[in-house]
Amino acid sequence: HLSGLPFLWEFSCNQLPLAELGSQLVIPLAVMVGELLRRQDQLCKVVAKKDREIEDYKMSGSRVSRRALETAPFSASSFTSNMNDSKMFDGHVRAGYLEYLSGTNASSFTSRS
């Protein structure tokens, strides 16, 4: 249901030639991954710039008013490493996939005669 109304979407799939599969699926996915990486890079640069700004404030004598707000300087390589090595990474991916395949989405993967 979507906004209280039944929402059904039936797919009729046909096998595509590999070239068409690449142009319709693989290339758009690769482009999106590239865009997400570009955005992540930009966000890392903004956070690093904010760290330099905070350091400048501290060198001018400013202090954080609440200790709970204080953070360590950001390291993009540590962040990436921690995310890749995170025990939650595999669990989140697996849980999301299994959740998608269960419940209301399960009917999407059954054949209709």
C-alpha atoms as a PDB file:
ATOM      1  CA  HIS A   1       0.000   0.000   0.000  1.00  0.00           C
ATOM      2  CA  LEU A   2       1.104   3.511  -0.764  1.00  0.00           C
ATOM      3  CA  SER A   3      -0.686   6.316   1.077  1.00  0.00           C
ATOM      4  CA  GLY A   4      -3.411   3.864   1.996  1.00  0.00           C
ATOM      5  CA  LEU A   5      -4.066   2.799  -1.588  1.00  0.00           C
ATOM      6  CA  PRO A   6      -3.155  -0.563  -3.107  1.00  0.00           C
ATOM      7  CA  PHE A   7       0.042  -0.277  -5.110  1.00  0.00           C
ATOM      8  CA  LEU A   8       0.837  -3.095  -7.505  1.00  0.00           C
ATOM      9  CA  TRP A   9       3.579  -3.133 -10.054  1.00  0.00           C
ATOM     10  CA  GLU A  10       3.938  -6.155 -12.287  1.00  0.00           C
ATOM     11  CA  PHE A  11       7.123  -6.762 -14.205  1.00  0.00           C
ATOM     12  CA  SER A  12       7.379  -8.746 -17.384  1.00  0.00           C
ATOM     13  CA  CYS A  13      11.008  -9.562 -18.021  1.00  0.00           C
ATOM     14  CA  ASN A  14      12.751 -10.722 -21.151  1.00  0.00           C
ATOM     15  CA  GLN A  15      16.377 -11.692 -21.481  1.00  0.00           C
ATOM     16  CA  LEU A  16      18.394  -8.877 -23.058  1.00  0.00           C
ATOM     17  CA  PRO A  17      21.534  -9.080 -25.129  1.00  0.00           C
ATOM     18  CA  LEU A  18      24.624  -8.417 -23.022  1.00  0.00           C
ATOM     19  CA  ALA A  19      25.313  -5.077 -24.740  1.00  0.00           C
ATOM     20  CA  GLU A  20      21.837  -3.828 -23.885  1.00  0.00           C
ATOM     21  CA  LEU A  21      22.125  -5.137 -20.314  1.00  0.00           C
ATOM     22  CA  GLY A  22      25.323  -3.150 -19.962  1.00  0.00           C
ATOM     23  CA  SER A  23      23.857   0.053 -21.339  1.00  0.00           C
ATOM     24  CA  GLN A  24      20.576  -0.248 -19.422  1.00  0.00           C
ATOM     25  CA  LEU A  25      21.788  -1.588 -16.069  1.00  0.00           C
ATOM     26  CA  VAL A  26      25.530  -1.921 -15.515  1.00  0.00           C
ATOM     27  CA  ILE A  27      26.644   1.464 -16.868  1.00  0.00           C
ATOM     28  CA  PRO A  28      23.946   3.464 -15.011  1.00  0.00           C
ATOM     29  CA  LEU A  29      24.813   1.630 -11.769  1.00  0.00           C
ATOM     30  CA  ALA A  30      28.532   2.291 -12.276  1.00  0.00           C
ATOM     31  CA  VAL A  31      27.819   5.966 -12.979  1.00  0.00           C
ATOM     32  CA  MET A  32      25.758   6.219  -9.778  1.00  0.00           C
ATOM     33  CA  VAL A  33      28.484   4.552  -7.726  1.00  0.00           C
ATOM     34  CA  GLY A  34      30.959   7.041  -9.210  1.00  0.00           C
ATOM     35  CA  GLU A  35      28.673   9.930  -8.277  1.00  0.00           C
ATOM     36  CA  LEU A  36      28.261   8.626  -4.729  1.00  0.00           C
ATOM     37  CA  LEU A  37      32.051   8.334  -4.398  1.00  0.00           C
ATOM     38  CA  ARG A  38      32.434  11.898  -5.686  1.00  0.00           C
ATOM     39  CA  ARG A  39      29.916  13.134  -3.112  1.00  0.00           C
ATOM     40  CA  GLN A  40      31.652  11.213  -0.336  1.00  0.00           C
ATOM     41  CA  ASP A  41      34.952  12.799  -1.365  1.00  0.00           C
ATOM     42  CA  GLN A  42      33.381  16.275  -1.272  1.00  0.00           C
ATOM     43  CA  LEU A  43      31.880  15.614   2.162  1.00  0.00           C
ATOM     44  CA  CYS A  44      35.262  14.430   3.456  1.00  0.00           C
ATOM     45  CA  LYS A  45      36.817  17.662   2.179  1.00  0.00           C
ATOM     46  CA  VAL A  46      34.144  19.757   3.912  1.00  0.00           C
ATOM     47  CA  VAL A  47      34.656  17.892   7.196  1.00  0.00           C
ATOM     48  CA  ALA A  48      38.444  18.321   6.939  1.00  0.00           C
ATOM     49  CA  LYS A  49      37.941  22.041   6.308  1.00  0.00           C
ATOM     50  CA  LYS A  50      35.657  22.248   9.356  1.00  0.00           C
ATOM     51  CA  ASP A  51      38.391  20.550  11.410  1.00  0.00           C
ATOM     52  CA  ARG A  52      40.871  23.225  10.300  1.00  0.00           C
ATOM     53  CA  GLU A  53      38.339  25.908  11.217  1.00  0.00           C
ATOM     54  CA  ILE A  54      37.828  24.388  14.678  1.00  0.00           C
ATOM     55  CA  GLU A  55      41.597  24.155  15.165  1.00  0.00           C
ATOM     56  CA  ASP A  56      41.893  27.846  14.267  1.00  0.00           C
ATOM     57  CA  TYR A  57      39.242  28.721  16.861  1.00  0.00           C
ATOM     58  CA  LYS A  58      41.079  26.664  19.488  1.00  0.00           C
ATOM     59  CA  MET A  59      44.395  28.352  18.669  1.00  0.00           C
ATOM     60  CA  SER A  60      42.633  31.706  19.167  1.00  0.00           C
ATOM     61  CA  GLY A  61      41.696  30.655  22.689  1.00  0.00           C
ATOM     62  CA  SER A  62      38.153  29.439  22.094  1.00  0.00           C
ATOM     63  CA  ARG A  63      36.888  26.361  23.857  1.00  0.00           C
ATOM     64  CA  VAL A  64      33.953  24.030  23.392  1.00  0.00           C
ATOM     65  CA  SER A  65      31.205  24.981  25.836  1.00  0.00           C
ATOM     66  CA  ARG A  66      30.139  21.355  26.381  1.00  0.00           C
ATOM     67  CA  ARG A  67      32.667  18.568  26.526  1.00  0.00           C
ATOM     68  CA  ALA A  68      30.224  16.146  24.867  1.00  0.00           C
ATOM     69  CA  LEU A  69      30.448  18.211  21.664  1.00  0.00           C
ATOM     70  CA  GLU A  70      34.205  17.786  21.338  1.00  0.00           C
ATOM     71  CA  THR A  71      35.328  15.423  18.575  1.00  0.00           C
ATOM     72  CA  ALA A  72      38.602  14.058  17.292  1.00  0.00           C
ATOM     73  CA  PRO A  73      39.852  15.407  13.959  1.00  0.00           C
ATOM     74  CA  PHE A  74      38.406  13.539  10.990  1.00  0.00           C
ATOM     75  CA  SER A  75      40.547  11.123   8.996  1.00  0.00           C
ATOM     76  CA  ALA A  76      39.050   9.977   5.690  1.00  0.00           C
ATOM     77  CA  SER A  77      41.349   6.939   5.508  1.00  0.00           C
ATOM     78  CA  SER A  78      40.484   5.866   9.063  1.00  0.00           C
ATOM     79  CA  PHE A  79      36.792   6.389   8.344  1.00  0.00           C
ATOM     80  CA  THR A  80      36.949   4.243   5.199  1.00  0.00           C
ATOM     81  CA  SER A  81      38.939   1.557   6.967  1.00  0.00           C
ATOM     82  CA  ASN A  82      36.576   1.515   9.938  1.00  0.00           C
ATOM     83  CA  MET A  83      33.529   1.278   7.676  1.00  0.00           C
ATOM     84  CA  ASN A  84      35.027  -1.544   5.615  1.00  0.00           C
ATOM     85  CA  ASP A  85      36.189  -3.462   8.691  1.00  0.00           C
ATOM     86  CA  SER A  86      33.030  -2.807  10.666  1.00  0.00           C
ATOM     87  CA  LYS A  87      31.387  -5.934  11.981  1.00  0.00           C
ATOM     88  CA  MET A  88      28.090  -4.202  11.258  1.00  0.00           C
ATOM     89  CA  PHE A  89      28.825  -3.772   7.526  1.00  0.00           C
ATOM     90  CA  ASP A  90      28.183  -7.366   6.558  1.00  0.00           C
ATOM     91  CA  GLY A  91      25.287  -7.613   8.980  1.00  0.00           C
ATOM     92  CA  HIS A  92      23.584  -4.487   7.643  1.00  0.00           C
ATOM     93  CA  VAL A  93      23.959  -5.575   4.032  1.00  0.00           C
ATOM     94  CA  ARG A  94      22.744  -9.090   4.777  1.00  0.00           C
ATOM     95  CA  ALA A  95      19.862  -7.895   6.986  1.00  0.00           C
ATOM     96  CA  GLY A  96      18.726  -5.385   4.381  1.00  0.00           C
ATOM     97  CA  TYR A  97      18.803  -8.020   1.654  1.00  0.00           C
ATOM     98  CA  LEU A  98      16.949 -10.597   3.745  1.00  0.00           C
ATOM     99  CA  GLU A  99      14.383  -8.016   4.836  1.00  0.00           C
ATOM    100  CA  TYR A 100      13.820  -7.096   1.206  1.00  0.00           C
ATOM    101  CA  LEU A 101      13.288 -10.732   0.230  1.00  0.00           C
ATOM    102  CA  SER A 102      10.914 -11.427   3.089  1.00  0.00           C
ATOM    103  CA  GLY A 103       7.448 -10.105   3.778  1.00  0.00           C
ATOM    104  CA  THR A 104       5.637  -8.107   1.117  1.00  0.00           C
ATOM    105  CA  ASN A 105       8.568  -8.209  -1.288  1.00  0.00           C
ATOM    106  CA  ALA A 106       8.698 -12.010  -1.345  1.00  0.00           C
ATOM    107  CA  SER A 107       5.825 -12.145  -3.812  1.00  0.00           C
ATOM    108  CA  SER A 108       7.945 -10.188  -6.275  1.00  0.00           C
ATOM    109  CA  PHE A 109      10.197 -13.219  -6.630  1.00  0.00           C
ATOM    110  CA  THR A 110       7.564 -15.880  -7.208  1.00  0.00           C
ATOM    111  CA  SER A 111       6.663 -16.970 -10.705  1.00  0.00           C
ATOM    112  CA  ARG A 112       3.177 -16.300 -11.970  1.00  0.00           C
ATOM    113  CA  SER A 113       1.483 -18.786 -14.225  1.00  0.00           C
END
